Amino acid sequence: MKTAEVYADAFYSLAKESGKEKKLLLELKYILNILEQCPQYEKILDSPRIRRGVLTKILDEDFKELIDGYTLNLLKILSNERLICRTDECVKRYEQNYNADHNIRVVRVTTAKPLDAGIEKRLIQKLTKKFGGEIVIKKLVNPDCIGGIIIQSDGITTDASIKSKLNDIRRALA
C-alpha cells in the first residue's frame, strides 16, 4: 500500500472515531484546492532546505484558525515526511473510504454536450434504482463522443456513445 493511502486510511479512522468524517473531508478538499492553485506553496512545504520546525510554524500561521487540529496535524506529518505533493492521493483515498461508509457511488458521465437538468435527474433515478444508495455524478464533456453517453463507475464502463457505435460498425465492416 502506498504511503499516502496509509496516512489517509489512518486519518479516516481518526475522523470516524471523532464523528468528523464529513467536516474533515471538506477541509482536505479545501487544502487540496489551495495547493492546486498555489504550486509554489506546495514546493515550500515539501522543501528539504527548510527546517521542519519552520514548516510547522508556517502551517500553524496559515491554518490554525481555519481548520480542525486533526487536519492541521495531518498536514504537518505530510510536510515533515516531504509528502505534501501527495495530498491529492490522500484526499482521493479518504473520499473513497467516506463514500464506502456512507453508501455513496461516484459515477463519471461523459457526454458530447453538457447534460441538461432533466436528463441528469432521470439518470440519477435510474442509477439509484440499479445500485441503491446515493449517486453522485461527475460530469465530463467530450465533443469526441459525438453524441450518446459513457457511464463509468467502480471500474465498469458502459459506452453508449455514437463514436463507440461507429467504431463497432467500422470493425464489423473491416
N, C-alpha and C. Protein backbone atom coordinates (compact mmCIF):
# COMPACT_ATOMS: atom_id res chain seq x y z
N MET A 1 0.85 -1.19 0.00
CA MET A 1 0.00 0.00 0.00
C MET A 1 0.89 1.24 0.00
N LYS A 2 0.48 2.24 -0.76
CA LYS A 2 1.25 3.47 -0.86
C LYS A 2 1.20 4.24 0.45
N THR A 3 2.25 5.00 0.71
CA THR A 3 2.34 5.80 1.94
C THR A 3 1.17 6.76 2.08
N ALA A 4 0.80 7.44 1.00
CA ALA A 4 -0.30 8.40 1.07
C ALA A 4 -1.59 7.70 1.47
N GLU A 5 -1.80 6.49 0.96
CA GLU A 5 -3.01 5.74 1.30
C GLU A 5 -3.01 5.33 2.77
N VAL A 6 -1.84 4.98 3.29
CA VAL A 6 -1.73 4.59 4.70
C VAL A 6 -2.12 5.77 5.58
N TYR A 7 -1.59 6.96 5.27
CA TYR A 7 -1.93 8.15 6.04
C TYR A 7 -3.42 8.46 5.92
N ALA A 8 -3.96 8.35 4.72
CA ALA A 8 -5.38 8.64 4.50
C ALA A 8 -6.26 7.66 5.27
N ASP A 9 -5.91 6.39 5.26
CA ASP A 9 -6.70 5.39 5.99
C ASP A 9 -6.67 5.66 7.49
N ALA A 10 -5.49 5.97 8.01
CA ALA A 10 -5.37 6.27 9.44
C ALA A 10 -6.14 7.54 9.79
N PHE A 11 -6.04 8.54 8.94
CA PHE A 11 -6.74 9.80 9.17
C PHE A 11 -8.25 9.59 9.12
N TYR A 12 -8.71 8.77 8.19
CA TYR A 12 -10.15 8.50 8.11
C TYR A 12 -10.63 7.76 9.37
N SER A 13 -9.85 6.82 9.85
CA SER A 13 -10.22 6.11 11.09
C SER A 13 -10.35 7.08 12.25
N LEU A 14 -9.43 8.00 12.35
CA LEU A 14 -9.47 9.02 13.40
C LEU A 14 -10.71 9.91 13.24
N ALA A 15 -10.98 10.31 12.01
CA ALA A 15 -12.15 11.16 11.74
C ALA A 15 -13.44 10.43 12.10
N LYS A 16 -13.49 9.16 11.77
CA LYS A 16 -14.68 8.35 12.05
C LYS A 16 -14.89 8.20 13.57
N GLU A 17 -13.81 7.93 14.29
CA GLU A 17 -13.90 7.81 15.75
C GLU A 17 -14.42 9.09 16.39
N SER A 18 -14.03 10.22 15.83
CA SER A 18 -14.41 11.50 16.41
C SER A 18 -15.71 12.05 15.82
N GLY A 19 -16.29 11.33 14.83
CA GLY A 19 -17.55 11.78 14.22
C GLY A 19 -17.39 13.01 13.33
N LYS A 20 -16.20 13.20 12.78
CA LYS A 20 -15.93 14.39 11.97
C LYS A 20 -15.63 14.05 10.51
N GLU A 21 -16.11 12.91 10.03
CA GLU A 21 -15.75 12.46 8.68
C GLU A 21 -16.04 13.51 7.61
N LYS A 22 -17.26 14.04 7.60
CA LYS A 22 -17.66 14.99 6.56
C LYS A 22 -16.87 16.30 6.68
N LYS A 23 -16.76 16.81 7.90
CA LYS A 23 -16.05 18.07 8.13
C LYS A 23 -14.60 17.97 7.65
N LEU A 24 -13.94 16.88 8.01
CA LEU A 24 -12.53 16.74 7.65
C LEU A 24 -12.36 16.49 6.15
N LEU A 25 -13.33 15.83 5.53
CA LEU A 25 -13.29 15.66 4.07
C LEU A 25 -13.34 17.03 3.39
N LEU A 26 -14.23 17.87 3.85
CA LEU A 26 -14.34 19.22 3.27
C LEU A 26 -13.06 20.02 3.50
N GLU A 27 -12.45 19.86 4.66
CA GLU A 27 -11.19 20.55 4.92
C GLU A 27 -10.06 20.04 4.02
N LEU A 28 -10.02 18.74 3.80
CA LEU A 28 -9.00 18.18 2.91
C LEU A 28 -9.16 18.72 1.49
N LYS A 29 -10.40 18.81 1.05
CA LYS A 29 -10.65 19.34 -0.30
C LYS A 29 -10.26 20.82 -0.37
N TYR A 30 -10.50 21.54 0.71
CA TYR A 30 -10.11 22.95 0.80
C TYR A 30 -8.59 23.09 0.68
N ILE A 31 -7.86 22.26 1.42
CA ILE A 31 -6.40 22.28 1.38
C ILE A 31 -5.90 21.92 -0.02
N LEU A 32 -6.49 20.88 -0.60
CA LEU A 32 -6.08 20.45 -1.94
C LEU A 32 -6.29 21.57 -2.95
N ASN A 33 -7.39 22.28 -2.83
CA ASN A 33 -7.67 23.39 -3.73
C ASN A 33 -6.58 24.48 -3.60
N ILE A 34 -6.19 24.77 -2.38
CA ILE A 34 -5.13 25.76 -2.16
C ILE A 34 -3.82 25.30 -2.80
N LEU A 35 -3.47 24.03 -2.60
CA LEU A 35 -2.22 23.52 -3.15
C LEU A 35 -2.24 23.49 -4.68
N GLU A 36 -3.40 23.22 -5.25
CA GLU A 36 -3.51 23.21 -6.71
C GLU A 36 -3.41 24.61 -7.29
N GLN A 37 -3.92 25.59 -6.56
CA GLN A 37 -3.87 26.96 -7.04
C GLN A 37 -2.54 27.65 -6.75
N CYS A 38 -1.80 27.12 -5.79
CA CYS A 38 -0.51 27.73 -5.42
C CYS A 38 0.58 26.65 -5.38
N PRO A 39 1.05 26.20 -6.54
CA PRO A 39 2.05 25.13 -6.55
C PRO A 39 3.35 25.52 -5.83
N GLN A 40 3.63 26.83 -5.75
CA GLN A 40 4.83 27.28 -5.04
C GLN A 40 4.72 26.96 -3.54
N TYR A 41 3.51 27.07 -3.02
CA TYR A 41 3.28 26.78 -1.60
C TYR A 41 3.58 25.31 -1.32
N GLU A 42 3.13 24.44 -2.22
CA GLU A 42 3.42 23.01 -2.09
C GLU A 42 4.92 22.77 -2.08
N LYS A 43 5.64 23.45 -2.96
CA LYS A 43 7.10 23.28 -3.03
C LYS A 43 7.77 23.73 -1.73
N ILE A 44 7.28 24.81 -1.17
CA ILE A 44 7.83 25.29 0.11
C ILE A 44 7.62 24.24 1.20
N LEU A 45 6.39 23.71 1.28
CA LEU A 45 6.07 22.74 2.34
C LEU A 45 6.79 21.41 2.18
N ASP A 46 7.24 21.10 0.97
CA ASP A 46 7.98 19.86 0.73
C ASP A 46 9.50 20.08 0.66
N SER A 47 9.91 21.32 0.81
CA SER A 47 11.32 21.65 0.62
C SER A 47 12.21 21.03 1.69
N PRO A 48 13.26 20.31 1.26
CA PRO A 48 14.21 19.76 2.23
C PRO A 48 15.15 20.84 2.79
N ARG A 49 15.14 22.03 2.18
CA ARG A 49 16.01 23.11 2.64
C ARG A 49 15.45 23.86 3.84
N ILE A 50 14.17 23.68 4.09
CA ILE A 50 13.54 24.40 5.21
C ILE A 50 13.40 23.42 6.38
N ARG A 51 13.87 23.85 7.54
CA ARG A 51 13.79 23.00 8.73
C ARG A 51 12.34 22.66 9.07
N ARG A 52 12.15 21.50 9.61
CA ARG A 52 10.80 21.01 9.93
C ARG A 52 10.08 21.92 10.91
N GLY A 53 10.78 22.45 11.86
CA GLY A 53 10.17 23.37 12.83
C GLY A 53 9.62 24.61 12.15
N VAL A 54 10.33 25.09 11.17
CA VAL A 54 9.88 26.27 10.41
C VAL A 54 8.63 25.92 9.62
N LEU A 55 8.61 24.72 9.01
CA LEU A 55 7.43 24.29 8.24
C LEU A 55 6.21 24.17 9.15
N THR A 56 6.42 23.67 10.34
CA THR A 56 5.32 23.55 11.30
C THR A 56 4.77 24.92 11.66
N LYS A 57 5.66 25.89 11.86
CA LYS A 57 5.23 27.26 12.17
C LYS A 57 4.45 27.86 11.00
N ILE A 58 4.92 27.62 9.78
CA ILE A 58 4.22 28.13 8.59
C ILE A 58 2.80 27.57 8.56
N LEU A 59 2.67 26.27 8.76
CA LEU A 59 1.33 25.65 8.73
C LEU A 59 0.45 26.19 9.85
N ASP A 60 1.01 26.34 11.04
CA ASP A 60 0.24 26.90 12.15
C ASP A 60 -0.26 28.30 11.82
N GLU A 61 0.63 29.13 11.31
CA GLU A 61 0.25 30.51 10.99
C GLU A 61 -0.81 30.57 9.89
N ASP A 62 -0.69 29.69 8.91
CA ASP A 62 -1.61 29.74 7.77
C ASP A 62 -2.96 29.08 8.03
N PHE A 63 -2.99 28.05 8.91
CA PHE A 63 -4.21 27.25 9.00
C PHE A 63 -4.81 27.07 10.40
N LYS A 64 -4.10 27.45 11.44
CA LYS A 64 -4.56 27.14 12.81
C LYS A 64 -5.99 27.60 13.08
N GLU A 65 -6.37 28.73 12.57
CA GLU A 65 -7.72 29.27 12.81
C GLU A 65 -8.73 28.80 11.77
N LEU A 66 -8.28 28.12 10.72
CA LEU A 66 -9.15 27.78 9.60
C LEU A 66 -9.60 26.33 9.58
N ILE A 67 -8.78 25.43 10.12
CA ILE A 67 -9.10 24.01 10.02
C ILE A 67 -8.97 23.32 11.37
N ASP A 68 -9.57 22.16 11.45
CA ASP A 68 -9.53 21.34 12.66
C ASP A 68 -8.09 20.93 12.98
N GLY A 69 -7.82 20.73 14.23
CA GLY A 69 -6.48 20.31 14.66
C GLY A 69 -6.04 18.99 14.04
N TYR A 70 -6.99 18.08 13.82
CA TYR A 70 -6.65 16.81 13.18
C TYR A 70 -6.11 17.04 11.76
N THR A 71 -6.79 17.88 11.02
CA THR A 71 -6.37 18.16 9.64
C THR A 71 -5.01 18.87 9.64
N LEU A 72 -4.85 19.80 10.55
CA LEU A 72 -3.59 20.52 10.65
C LEU A 72 -2.45 19.56 10.98
N ASN A 73 -2.69 18.63 11.90
CA ASN A 73 -1.65 17.66 12.25
C ASN A 73 -1.31 16.75 11.07
N LEU A 74 -2.31 16.37 10.28
CA LEU A 74 -2.03 15.58 9.08
C LEU A 74 -1.12 16.36 8.14
N LEU A 75 -1.43 17.63 7.93
CA LEU A 75 -0.58 18.46 7.07
C LEU A 75 0.85 18.53 7.59
N LYS A 76 0.98 18.67 8.90
CA LYS A 76 2.32 18.73 9.49
C LYS A 76 3.08 17.42 9.26
N ILE A 77 2.38 16.30 9.41
CA ILE A 77 3.02 15.00 9.17
C ILE A 77 3.45 14.87 7.72
N LEU A 78 2.53 15.21 6.81
CA LEU A 78 2.85 15.12 5.38
C LEU A 78 4.02 16.03 5.03
N SER A 79 4.05 17.22 5.62
CA SER A 79 5.14 18.15 5.35
C SER A 79 6.45 17.62 5.93
N ASN A 80 6.40 17.13 7.15
CA ASN A 80 7.61 16.58 7.78
C ASN A 80 8.18 15.41 6.98
N GLU A 81 7.30 14.63 6.37
CA GLU A 81 7.74 13.49 5.58
C GLU A 81 7.99 13.87 4.11
N ARG A 82 7.85 15.16 3.81
CA ARG A 82 8.01 15.67 2.44
C ARG A 82 7.01 15.00 1.48
N LEU A 83 5.76 14.89 1.94
CA LEU A 83 4.71 14.22 1.16
C LEU A 83 3.53 15.14 0.85
N ILE A 84 3.71 16.44 1.02
CA ILE A 84 2.63 17.37 0.67
C ILE A 84 2.24 17.18 -0.80
N CYS A 85 3.22 16.85 -1.62
CA CYS A 85 2.95 16.64 -3.05
C CYS A 85 2.01 15.46 -3.29
N ARG A 86 1.75 14.66 -2.28
CA ARG A 86 0.86 13.51 -2.43
C ARG A 86 -0.48 13.74 -1.74
N THR A 87 -0.77 14.99 -1.42
CA THR A 87 -2.03 15.34 -0.76
C THR A 87 -3.23 14.89 -1.59
N ASP A 88 -3.13 15.03 -2.91
CA ASP A 88 -4.24 14.62 -3.77
C ASP A 88 -4.55 13.13 -3.61
N GLU A 89 -3.53 12.30 -3.44
CA GLU A 89 -3.74 10.87 -3.22
C GLU A 89 -4.43 10.62 -1.87
N CYS A 90 -4.02 11.39 -0.86
CA CYS A 90 -4.65 11.27 0.46
C CYS A 90 -6.13 11.62 0.39
N VAL A 91 -6.43 12.72 -0.29
CA VAL A 91 -7.81 13.17 -0.38
C VAL A 91 -8.65 12.14 -1.15
N LYS A 92 -8.11 11.63 -2.22
CA LYS A 92 -8.83 10.63 -3.02
C LYS A 92 -9.14 9.39 -2.19
N ARG A 93 -8.15 8.89 -1.46
CA ARG A 93 -8.34 7.68 -0.65
C ARG A 93 -9.32 7.95 0.50
N TYR A 94 -9.18 9.09 1.15
CA TYR A 94 -10.09 9.46 2.23
C TYR A 94 -11.52 9.50 1.71
N GLU A 95 -11.71 10.12 0.55
CA GLU A 95 -13.06 10.22 -0.03
C GLU A 95 -13.60 8.85 -0.42
N GLN A 96 -12.74 7.96 -0.90
CA GLN A 96 -13.18 6.59 -1.19
C GLN A 96 -13.68 5.90 0.08
N ASN A 97 -12.94 6.05 1.16
CA ASN A 97 -13.36 5.48 2.45
C ASN A 97 -14.69 6.07 2.90
N TYR A 98 -14.80 7.39 2.78
CA TYR A 98 -16.03 8.08 3.19
C TYR A 98 -17.21 7.58 2.36
N ASN A 99 -17.03 7.53 1.05
CA ASN A 99 -18.12 7.10 0.17
C ASN A 99 -18.54 5.66 0.46
N ALA A 100 -17.58 4.80 0.70
CA ALA A 100 -17.89 3.40 1.00
C ALA A 100 -18.71 3.30 2.30
N ASP A 101 -18.31 4.05 3.31
CA ASP A 101 -19.02 4.01 4.60
C ASP A 101 -20.41 4.63 4.53
N HIS A 102 -20.62 5.55 3.61
CA HIS A 102 -21.90 6.26 3.54
C HIS A 102 -22.73 5.86 2.32
N ASN A 103 -22.38 4.73 1.70
CA ASN A 103 -23.13 4.18 0.58
C ASN A 103 -23.32 5.21 -0.54
N ILE A 104 -22.23 5.87 -0.89
CA ILE A 104 -22.23 6.87 -1.96
C ILE A 104 -21.44 6.29 -3.13
N ARG A 105 -22.04 6.32 -4.30
CA ARG A 105 -21.38 5.83 -5.51
C ARG A 105 -21.12 7.02 -6.42
N VAL A 106 -19.87 7.18 -6.81
CA VAL A 106 -19.49 8.25 -7.73
C VAL A 106 -19.51 7.66 -9.13
N VAL A 107 -20.27 8.32 -10.01
CA VAL A 107 -20.42 7.86 -11.38
C VAL A 107 -19.92 8.97 -12.31
N ARG A 108 -18.97 8.62 -13.17
CA ARG A 108 -18.49 9.58 -14.17
C ARG A 108 -19.35 9.44 -15.41
N VAL A 109 -19.89 10.55 -15.85
CA VAL A 109 -20.76 10.57 -17.02
C VAL A 109 -20.14 11.50 -18.06
N THR A 110 -19.83 10.94 -19.22
CA THR A 110 -19.22 11.72 -20.29
C THR A 110 -20.22 11.85 -21.43
N THR A 111 -20.44 13.07 -21.86
CA THR A 111 -21.34 13.35 -22.98
C THR A 111 -20.67 14.36 -23.92
N ALA A 112 -21.22 14.47 -25.12
CA ALA A 112 -20.67 15.41 -26.09
C ALA A 112 -21.02 16.85 -25.72
N LYS A 113 -22.18 17.03 -25.11
CA LYS A 113 -22.64 18.34 -24.67
C LYS A 113 -23.03 18.24 -23.20
N PRO A 114 -23.08 19.36 -22.49
CA PRO A 114 -23.48 19.30 -21.09
C PRO A 114 -24.87 18.68 -20.92
N LEU A 115 -25.00 17.86 -19.87
CA LEU A 115 -26.30 17.25 -19.56
C LEU A 115 -27.28 18.32 -19.12
N ASP A 116 -28.51 18.22 -19.60
CA ASP A 116 -29.50 19.16 -19.07
C ASP A 116 -30.04 18.57 -17.77
N ALA A 117 -30.65 19.40 -16.95
CA ALA A 117 -31.07 19.02 -15.60
C ALA A 117 -32.06 17.87 -15.61
N GLY A 118 -32.98 17.86 -16.57
CA GLY A 118 -33.98 16.79 -16.63
C GLY A 118 -33.37 15.44 -16.90
N ILE A 119 -32.45 15.38 -17.85
CA ILE A 119 -31.78 14.11 -18.17
C ILE A 119 -30.92 13.66 -16.99
N GLU A 120 -30.23 14.61 -16.36
CA GLU A 120 -29.41 14.26 -15.21
C GLU A 120 -30.26 13.68 -14.08
N LYS A 121 -31.41 14.28 -13.85
CA LYS A 121 -32.31 13.80 -12.79
C LYS A 121 -32.79 12.38 -13.09
N ARG A 122 -33.18 12.12 -14.34
CA ARG A 122 -33.64 10.77 -14.71
C ARG A 122 -32.50 9.76 -14.61
N LEU A 123 -31.30 10.19 -15.01
CA LEU A 123 -30.14 9.31 -14.92
C LEU A 123 -29.85 8.93 -13.47
N ILE A 124 -29.91 9.91 -12.58
CA ILE A 124 -29.68 9.64 -11.16
C ILE A 124 -30.74 8.67 -10.63
N GLN A 125 -31.99 8.87 -11.03
CA GLN A 125 -33.07 7.97 -10.59
C GLN A 125 -32.80 6.53 -11.05
N LYS A 126 -32.41 6.37 -12.32
CA LYS A 126 -32.14 5.03 -12.85
C LYS A 126 -30.94 4.39 -12.15
N LEU A 127 -29.89 5.17 -11.94
CA LEU A 127 -28.70 4.63 -11.29
C LEU A 127 -28.98 4.30 -9.83
N THR A 128 -29.78 5.11 -9.17
CA THR A 128 -30.15 4.83 -7.78
C THR A 128 -30.94 3.53 -7.70
N LYS A 129 -31.84 3.36 -8.63
CA LYS A 129 -32.65 2.13 -8.68
C LYS A 129 -31.75 0.91 -8.92
N LYS A 130 -30.76 1.07 -9.79
CA LYS A 130 -29.86 -0.03 -10.13
C LYS A 130 -28.89 -0.36 -9.00
N PHE A 131 -28.27 0.68 -8.42
CA PHE A 131 -27.21 0.46 -7.44
C PHE A 131 -27.64 0.67 -5.99
N GLY A 132 -28.68 1.45 -5.76
CA GLY A 132 -29.05 1.81 -4.39
C GLY A 132 -28.12 2.88 -3.86
N GLY A 133 -28.40 3.36 -2.68
CA GLY A 133 -27.56 4.37 -2.06
C GLY A 133 -27.67 5.72 -2.76
N GLU A 134 -26.73 6.57 -2.45
CA GLU A 134 -26.69 7.91 -3.04
C GLU A 134 -25.77 7.90 -4.27
N ILE A 135 -26.22 8.55 -5.32
CA ILE A 135 -25.43 8.64 -6.55
C ILE A 135 -24.92 10.07 -6.70
N VAL A 136 -23.62 10.20 -6.93
CA VAL A 136 -23.01 11.49 -7.20
C VAL A 136 -22.45 11.42 -8.62
N ILE A 137 -22.92 12.31 -9.47
CA ILE A 137 -22.48 12.32 -10.85
C ILE A 137 -21.37 13.34 -11.05
N LYS A 138 -20.28 12.87 -11.63
CA LYS A 138 -19.20 13.78 -12.06
C LYS A 138 -19.33 13.88 -13.56
N LYS A 139 -19.71 15.07 -14.00
CA LYS A 139 -19.99 15.28 -15.42
C LYS A 139 -18.74 15.72 -16.17
N LEU A 140 -18.53 15.08 -17.31
CA LEU A 140 -17.45 15.45 -18.20
C LEU A 140 -18.05 15.70 -19.58
N VAL A 141 -17.53 16.68 -20.27
CA VAL A 141 -17.97 16.97 -21.62
C VAL A 141 -16.80 16.68 -22.56
N ASN A 142 -17.06 15.81 -23.54
CA ASN A 142 -16.04 15.46 -24.52
C ASN A 142 -16.70 15.42 -25.90
N PRO A 143 -16.47 16.45 -26.71
CA PRO A 143 -17.10 16.52 -28.04
C PRO A 143 -16.78 15.31 -28.92
N ASP A 144 -15.69 14.59 -28.63
CA ASP A 144 -15.34 13.41 -29.41
C ASP A 144 -16.39 12.29 -29.29
N CYS A 145 -17.21 12.34 -28.26
CA CYS A 145 -18.28 11.34 -28.11
C CYS A 145 -19.27 11.43 -29.26
N ILE A 146 -19.36 12.58 -29.85
CA ILE A 146 -20.30 12.93 -30.92
C ILE A 146 -21.72 13.02 -30.36
N GLY A 147 -22.16 12.04 -29.64
CA GLY A 147 -23.49 12.01 -29.03
C GLY A 147 -23.56 10.79 -28.13
N GLY A 148 -24.67 10.61 -27.46
CA GLY A 148 -24.81 9.47 -26.55
C GLY A 148 -24.16 9.76 -25.21
N ILE A 149 -23.77 8.67 -24.53
CA ILE A 149 -23.29 8.81 -23.16
C ILE A 149 -22.32 7.69 -22.82
N ILE A 150 -21.34 7.99 -21.98
CA ILE A 150 -20.42 6.99 -21.44
C ILE A 150 -20.55 7.08 -19.92
N ILE A 151 -20.84 5.96 -19.28
CA ILE A 151 -21.01 5.91 -17.83
C ILE A 151 -19.93 5.01 -17.25
N GLN A 152 -19.20 5.53 -16.25
CA GLN A 152 -18.13 4.77 -15.61
C GLN A 152 -18.32 4.80 -14.09
N SER A 153 -18.25 3.60 -13.49
CA SER A 153 -18.34 3.51 -12.04
C SER A 153 -17.68 2.22 -11.58
N ASP A 154 -16.85 2.32 -10.58
CA ASP A 154 -16.18 1.15 -10.00
C ASP A 154 -15.49 0.29 -11.04
N GLY A 155 -14.82 0.93 -11.99
CA GLY A 155 -14.06 0.19 -12.99
C GLY A 155 -14.91 -0.42 -14.11
N ILE A 156 -16.20 -0.17 -14.10
CA ILE A 156 -17.09 -0.69 -15.15
C ILE A 156 -17.50 0.46 -16.04
N THR A 157 -17.38 0.26 -17.36
CA THR A 157 -17.73 1.30 -18.32
C THR A 157 -18.87 0.81 -19.21
N THR A 158 -19.88 1.65 -19.33
CA THR A 158 -20.96 1.42 -20.27
C THR A 158 -20.85 2.52 -21.32
N ASP A 159 -20.48 2.12 -22.52
CA ASP A 159 -20.24 3.10 -23.58
C ASP A 159 -21.39 3.05 -24.59
N ALA A 160 -22.26 4.03 -24.50
CA ALA A 160 -23.39 4.14 -25.43
C ALA A 160 -23.23 5.41 -26.25
N SER A 161 -21.99 5.72 -26.59
CA SER A 161 -21.73 6.92 -27.38
C SER A 161 -21.84 6.60 -28.87
N ILE A 162 -22.14 7.59 -29.65
CA ILE A 162 -22.23 7.41 -31.10
C ILE A 162 -20.86 7.03 -31.65
N LYS A 163 -19.81 7.61 -31.11
CA LYS A 163 -18.46 7.27 -31.56
C LYS A 163 -18.20 5.78 -31.38
N SER A 164 -18.60 5.23 -30.25
CA SER A 164 -18.42 3.80 -29.99
C SER A 164 -19.21 2.97 -31.00
N LYS A 165 -20.44 3.37 -31.27
CA LYS A 165 -21.28 2.64 -32.24
C LYS A 165 -20.66 2.69 -33.63
N LEU A 166 -20.14 3.84 -34.03
CA LEU A 166 -19.48 3.97 -35.33
C LEU A 166 -18.23 3.08 -35.41
N ASN A 167 -17.49 3.03 -34.33
CA ASN A 167 -16.31 2.15 -34.29
C ASN A 167 -16.72 0.69 -34.40
N ASP A 168 -17.82 0.29 -33.77
CA ASP A 168 -18.33 -1.08 -33.87
C ASP A 168 -18.68 -1.41 -35.31
N ILE A 169 -19.33 -0.48 -35.97
CA ILE A 169 -19.72 -0.68 -37.38
C ILE A 169 -18.46 -0.79 -38.24
N ARG A 170 -17.50 0.09 -37.99
CA ARG A 170 -16.24 0.08 -38.75
C ARG A 170 -15.53 -1.26 -38.59
N ARG A 171 -15.48 -1.80 -37.38
CA ARG A 171 -14.83 -3.09 -37.13
C ARG A 171 -15.60 -4.22 -37.83
N ALA A 172 -16.92 -4.15 -37.79
CA ALA A 172 -17.73 -5.18 -38.42
C ALA A 172 -17.53 -5.21 -39.94
N LEU A 173 -17.32 -4.05 -40.53
CA LEU A 173 -17.13 -3.96 -41.97
C LEU A 173 -15.71 -4.31 -42.41
N ALA A 174 -14.77 -4.24 -41.48
CA ALA A 174 -13.35 -4.48 -41.83
C ALA A 174 -13.03 -5.94 -42.06
